[in-house]
Amino acid sequence: MAESAGAVTLTVQRQVDTNSAVSVDYATSDLTATSGLDYTGVANTLAFGPTERLKFFSVPILNDGLKESARTFRLTLSNPTGTTLGGTKTTTVTIVDNDQGFQFESASCTVAEDAGTVRIGVLRGSDENIPATVDYATADIRSNTPGR
């Protein structure tokens, strides 16, 4: 699920006994994603009428603007009323980051002492149609060579 999708819609399917009303609870739980930061946690009850086989519900996905690895959360079905749970009681949702990342073109750079300047390339993520900025700074690295 793309971080920019806004929500993920999930389907709960009733397998058997469609002649009576039944219900089941559902709830989210954090794995590597955090409720309130990456998605909005939900917990509720799905009530199926006598002939209903499918129910849908949505979990909001939060687009945060930070470059992150994929994050996951779990949805769990529990507390069935008038029926039993099937074999698949949980599902995992993966949130795939959509934010641009920056990186140096190379992990190291060598330049002659009298070069005057050095060009260091910076690459950005895949969506180059969106304006983006990155801060940079230089720092001294102390040499382990005696006398320096």
C-alpha atoms as a PDB file:
ATOM      1  CA  MET A   1       0.000   0.000   0.000  1.00  0.00           C
ATOM      2  CA  ALA A   2       1.495   3.327  -1.036  1.00  0.00           C
ATOM      3  CA  GLU A   3       1.937   5.818   1.781  1.00  0.00           C
ATOM      4  CA  SER A   4       0.120   8.421  -0.337  1.00  0.00           C
ATOM      5  CA  ALA A   5      -2.975   6.215  -0.891  1.00  0.00           C
ATOM      6  CA  GLY A   6      -4.895   7.801   1.983  1.00  0.00           C
ATOM      7  CA  ALA A   7      -6.380   4.500   3.186  1.00  0.00           C
ATOM      8  CA  VAL A   8      -6.325   0.766   2.694  1.00  0.00           C
ATOM      9  CA  THR A   9      -9.683  -0.968   2.246  1.00  0.00           C
ATOM     10  CA  LEU A  10      -9.977  -4.493   3.580  1.00  0.00           C
ATOM     11  CA  THR A  11     -12.586  -7.148   2.922  1.00  0.00           C
ATOM     12  CA  VAL A  12     -13.914  -9.695   5.378  1.00  0.00           C
ATOM     13  CA  GLN A  13     -15.676 -12.616   3.733  1.00  0.00           C
ATOM     14  CA  ARG A  14     -18.198 -14.799   5.463  1.00  0.00           C
ATOM     15  CA  GLN A  15     -17.614 -18.364   4.323  1.00  0.00           C
ATOM     16  CA  VAL A  16     -20.584 -20.432   5.520  1.00  0.00           C
ATOM     17  CA  ASP A  17     -23.932 -20.254   7.329  1.00  0.00           C
ATOM     18  CA  THR A  18     -25.384 -17.277   5.487  1.00  0.00           C
ATOM     19  CA  ASN A  19     -28.888 -17.799   6.937  1.00  0.00           C
ATOM     20  CA  SER A  20     -28.333 -16.035  10.255  1.00  0.00           C
ATOM     21  CA  ALA A  21     -26.935 -12.764  11.526  1.00  0.00           C
ATOM     22  CA  VAL A  22     -23.341 -12.952  12.776  1.00  0.00           C
ATOM     23  CA  SER A  23     -20.634 -10.511  13.849  1.00  0.00           C
ATOM     24  CA  VAL A  24     -16.887 -10.344  14.287  1.00  0.00           C
ATOM     25  CA  ASP A  25     -14.557  -7.781  15.847  1.00  0.00           C
ATOM     26  CA  TYR A  26     -11.490  -6.393  14.075  1.00  0.00           C
ATOM     27  CA  ALA A  27      -8.549  -4.343  15.344  1.00  0.00           C
ATOM     28  CA  THR A  28      -5.175  -3.072  14.177  1.00  0.00           C
ATOM     29  CA  SER A  29      -1.895  -3.545  16.017  1.00  0.00           C
ATOM     30  CA  ASP A  30       1.577  -2.128  15.412  1.00  0.00           C
ATOM     31  CA  LEU A  31       4.360  -4.207  13.952  1.00  0.00           C
ATOM     32  CA  THR A  32       7.014  -1.864  12.473  1.00  0.00           C
ATOM     33  CA  ALA A  33       4.403   0.829  11.688  1.00  0.00           C
ATOM     34  CA  THR A  34       3.153   3.036  14.511  1.00  0.00           C
ATOM     35  CA  SER A  35      -0.491   3.978  14.964  1.00  0.00           C
ATOM     36  CA  GLY A  36      -0.824   7.758  14.939  1.00  0.00           C
ATOM     37  CA  LEU A  37       2.396   8.211  12.950  1.00  0.00           C
ATOM     38  CA  ASP A  38       2.120   5.825   9.995  1.00  0.00           C
ATOM     39  CA  TYR A  39      -1.571   4.890  10.075  1.00  0.00           C
ATOM     40  CA  THR A  40      -4.662   5.494  12.210  1.00  0.00           C
ATOM     41  CA  GLY A  41      -5.455   2.442  14.288  1.00  0.00           C
ATOM     42  CA  VAL A  42      -9.020   1.131  14.205  1.00  0.00           C
ATOM     43  CA  ALA A  43     -11.112  -1.313  16.227  1.00  0.00           C
ATOM     44  CA  ASN A  44     -14.762  -2.073  15.561  1.00  0.00           C
ATOM     45  CA  THR A  45     -17.363  -4.771  14.950  1.00  0.00           C
ATOM     46  CA  LEU A  46     -18.636  -5.984  11.588  1.00  0.00           C
ATOM     47  CA  ALA A  47     -22.262  -7.138  11.677  1.00  0.00           C
ATOM     48  CA  PHE A  48     -23.398  -9.406   8.836  1.00  0.00           C
ATOM     49  CA  GLY A  49     -27.096  -9.734   8.033  1.00  0.00           C
ATOM     50  CA  PRO A  50     -28.585 -13.189   7.281  1.00  0.00           C
ATOM     51  CA  THR A  51     -27.550 -13.220   3.599  1.00  0.00           C
ATOM     52  CA  GLU A  52     -24.522 -10.885   3.646  1.00  0.00           C
ATOM     53  CA  ARG A  53     -21.224 -12.472   2.619  1.00  0.00           C
ATOM     54  CA  LEU A  54     -18.835  -9.462   2.386  1.00  0.00           C
ATOM     55  CA  LYS A  55     -18.046  -6.476   4.566  1.00  0.00           C
ATOM     56  CA  PHE A  56     -15.525  -3.722   3.866  1.00  0.00           C
ATOM     57  CA  PHE A  57     -13.720  -1.303   6.158  1.00  0.00           C
ATOM     58  CA  SER A  58     -10.866   1.169   5.736  1.00  0.00           C
ATOM     59  CA  VAL A  59      -7.747   1.983   7.720  1.00  0.00           C
ATOM     60  CA  PRO A  60      -6.367   5.508   7.149  1.00  0.00           C
ATOM     61  CA  ILE A  61      -2.717   5.655   6.021  1.00  0.00           C
ATOM     62  CA  LEU A  62      -0.780   8.776   7.108  1.00  0.00           C
ATOM     63  CA  ASN A  63       1.587  10.402   4.611  1.00  0.00           C
ATOM     64  CA  ASP A  64       4.374  11.912   6.718  1.00  0.00           C
ATOM     65  CA  GLY A  65       6.946  13.325   4.258  1.00  0.00           C
ATOM     66  CA  LEU A  66       9.835  11.369   5.822  1.00  0.00           C
ATOM     67  CA  LYS A  67      12.036   8.949   3.875  1.00  0.00           C
ATOM     68  CA  GLU A  68      11.554   5.598   5.623  1.00  0.00           C
ATOM     69  CA  SER A  69      11.736   1.901   4.946  1.00  0.00           C
ATOM     70  CA  ALA A  70       8.510  -0.037   4.464  1.00  0.00           C
ATOM     71  CA  ARG A  71       6.452  -0.337   7.663  1.00  0.00           C
ATOM     72  CA  THR A  72       3.822  -2.928   8.611  1.00  0.00           C
ATOM     73  CA  PHE A  73       0.800  -3.288  10.852  1.00  0.00           C
ATOM     74  CA  ARG A  74      -1.513  -6.204  11.538  1.00  0.00           C
ATOM     75  CA  LEU A  75      -5.292  -6.579  11.440  1.00  0.00           C
ATOM     76  CA  THR A  76      -6.846  -9.269  13.589  1.00  0.00           C
ATOM     77  CA  LEU A  77     -10.356 -10.756  13.615  1.00  0.00           C
ATOM     78  CA  SER A  78     -11.676 -11.881  17.017  1.00  0.00           C
ATOM     79  CA  ASN A  79     -14.776 -12.504  19.132  1.00  0.00           C
ATOM     80  CA  PRO A  80     -17.096 -14.040  16.533  1.00  0.00           C
ATOM     81  CA  THR A  81     -20.775 -14.125  17.492  1.00  0.00           C
ATOM     82  CA  GLY A  82     -23.039 -16.704  15.891  1.00  0.00           C
ATOM     83  CA  THR A  83     -20.200 -18.273  13.918  1.00  0.00           C
ATOM     84  CA  THR A  84     -16.538 -19.294  14.203  1.00  0.00           C
ATOM     85  CA  LEU A  85     -13.380 -17.796  12.766  1.00  0.00           C
ATOM     86  CA  GLY A  86     -11.901 -19.292   9.608  1.00  0.00           C
ATOM     87  CA  GLY A  87      -8.268 -20.170   8.994  1.00  0.00           C
ATOM     88  CA  THR A  88      -7.101 -16.626   8.177  1.00  0.00           C
ATOM     89  CA  LYS A  89      -7.620 -14.575  11.333  1.00  0.00           C
ATOM     90  CA  THR A  90      -4.897 -11.991  10.679  1.00  0.00           C
ATOM     91  CA  THR A  91      -3.491 -10.067   7.765  1.00  0.00           C
ATOM     92  CA  THR A  92      -0.480  -7.783   7.513  1.00  0.00           C
ATOM     93  CA  VAL A  93      -0.519  -4.449   5.684  1.00  0.00           C
ATOM     94  CA  THR A  94       2.760  -3.027   4.356  1.00  0.00           C
ATOM     95  CA  ILE A  95       3.055   0.732   3.894  1.00  0.00           C
ATOM     96  CA  VAL A  96       5.492   1.499   1.076  1.00  0.00           C
ATOM     97  CA  ASP A  97       7.210   4.870   1.396  1.00  0.00           C
ATOM     98  CA  ASN A  98       6.629   7.448  -1.344  1.00  0.00           C
ATOM     99  CA  ASP A  99       9.058  10.113  -0.161  1.00  0.00           C
ATOM    100  CA  GLN A 100      12.107  11.187  -2.044  1.00  0.00           C
ATOM    101  CA  GLY A 101      15.471  10.249  -0.733  1.00  0.00           C
ATOM    102  CA  PHE A 102      18.812  11.910  -1.291  1.00  0.00           C
ATOM    103  CA  GLN A 103      22.163  10.202  -1.481  1.00  0.00           C
ATOM    104  CA  PHE A 104      25.687  10.983  -2.577  1.00  0.00           C
ATOM    105  CA  GLU A 105      26.677   9.812  -6.037  1.00  0.00           C
ATOM    106  CA  SER A 106      29.669   8.030  -4.483  1.00  0.00           C
ATOM    107  CA  ALA A 107      30.569   6.896  -0.962  1.00  0.00           C
ATOM    108  CA  SER A 108      34.005   8.559  -1.147  1.00  0.00           C
ATOM    109  CA  CYS A 109      35.826  11.178  -3.149  1.00  0.00           C
ATOM    110  CA  THR A 110      39.520  11.813  -3.809  1.00  0.00           C
ATOM    111  CA  VAL A 111      40.815  15.170  -4.977  1.00  0.00           C
ATOM    112  CA  ALA A 112      44.250  16.712  -5.454  1.00  0.00           C
ATOM    113  CA  GLU A 113      45.255  19.151  -2.732  1.00  0.00           C
ATOM    114  CA  ASP A 114      45.732  21.983  -5.254  1.00  0.00           C
ATOM    115  CA  ALA A 115      42.423  21.375  -7.126  1.00  0.00           C
ATOM    116  CA  GLY A 116      40.725  24.372  -5.522  1.00  0.00           C
ATOM    117  CA  THR A 117      37.248  22.830  -5.514  1.00  0.00           C
ATOM    118  CA  VAL A 118      35.661  19.418  -5.659  1.00  0.00           C
ATOM    119  CA  ARG A 119      32.396  18.410  -7.295  1.00  0.00           C
ATOM    120  CA  ILE A 120      30.335  16.008  -5.182  1.00  0.00           C
ATOM    121  CA  GLY A 121      27.199  14.672  -6.870  1.00  0.00           C
ATOM    122  CA  VAL A 122      23.922  14.313  -4.973  1.00  0.00           C
ATOM    123  CA  LEU A 123      21.182  12.059  -6.335  1.00  0.00           C
ATOM    124  CA  ARG A 124      17.520  12.327  -5.440  1.00  0.00           C
ATOM    125  CA  GLY A 125      14.615   9.876  -5.397  1.00  0.00           C
ATOM    126  CA  SER A 126      12.462   8.917  -8.324  1.00  0.00           C
ATOM    127  CA  ASP A 127       9.830  11.686  -8.311  1.00  0.00           C
ATOM    128  CA  GLU A 128      11.751  14.555  -9.888  1.00  0.00           C
ATOM    129  CA  ASN A 129       8.592  16.556 -10.685  1.00  0.00           C
ATOM    130  CA  ILE A 130       8.279  17.678  -7.071  1.00  0.00           C
ATOM    131  CA  PRO A 131      10.543  20.457  -5.749  1.00  0.00           C
ATOM    132  CA  ALA A 132      12.861  19.230  -3.001  1.00  0.00           C
ATOM    133  CA  THR A 133      15.783  20.463  -0.948  1.00  0.00           C
ATOM    134  CA  VAL A 134      18.466  18.886   1.195  1.00  0.00           C
ATOM    135  CA  ASP A 135      20.837  20.477   3.710  1.00  0.00           C
ATOM    136  CA  TYR A 136      24.553  19.699   3.574  1.00  0.00           C
ATOM    137  CA  ALA A 137      27.608  20.520   5.643  1.00  0.00           C
ATOM    138  CA  THR A 138      31.328  19.838   5.672  1.00  0.00           C
ATOM    139  CA  ALA A 139      33.344  18.694   8.660  1.00  0.00           C
ATOM    140  CA  ASP A 140      37.041  18.265   9.430  1.00  0.00           C
ATOM    141  CA  ILE A 141      38.339  14.736   9.826  1.00  0.00           C
ATOM    142  CA  ARG A 142      41.419  14.431  11.981  1.00  0.00           C
ATOM    143  CA  SER A 143      44.290  12.475  10.450  1.00  0.00           C
ATOM    144  CA  ASN A 144      46.023   9.720  12.385  1.00  0.00           C
ATOM    145  CA  THR A 145      49.304  10.707  10.722  1.00  0.00           C
ATOM    146  CA  PRO A 146      51.840  12.097  13.280  1.00  0.00           C
ATOM    147  CA  GLY A 147      52.526  15.794  12.892  1.00  0.00           C
ATOM    148  CA  ARG A 148      49.141  16.571  11.353  1.00  0.00           C
END
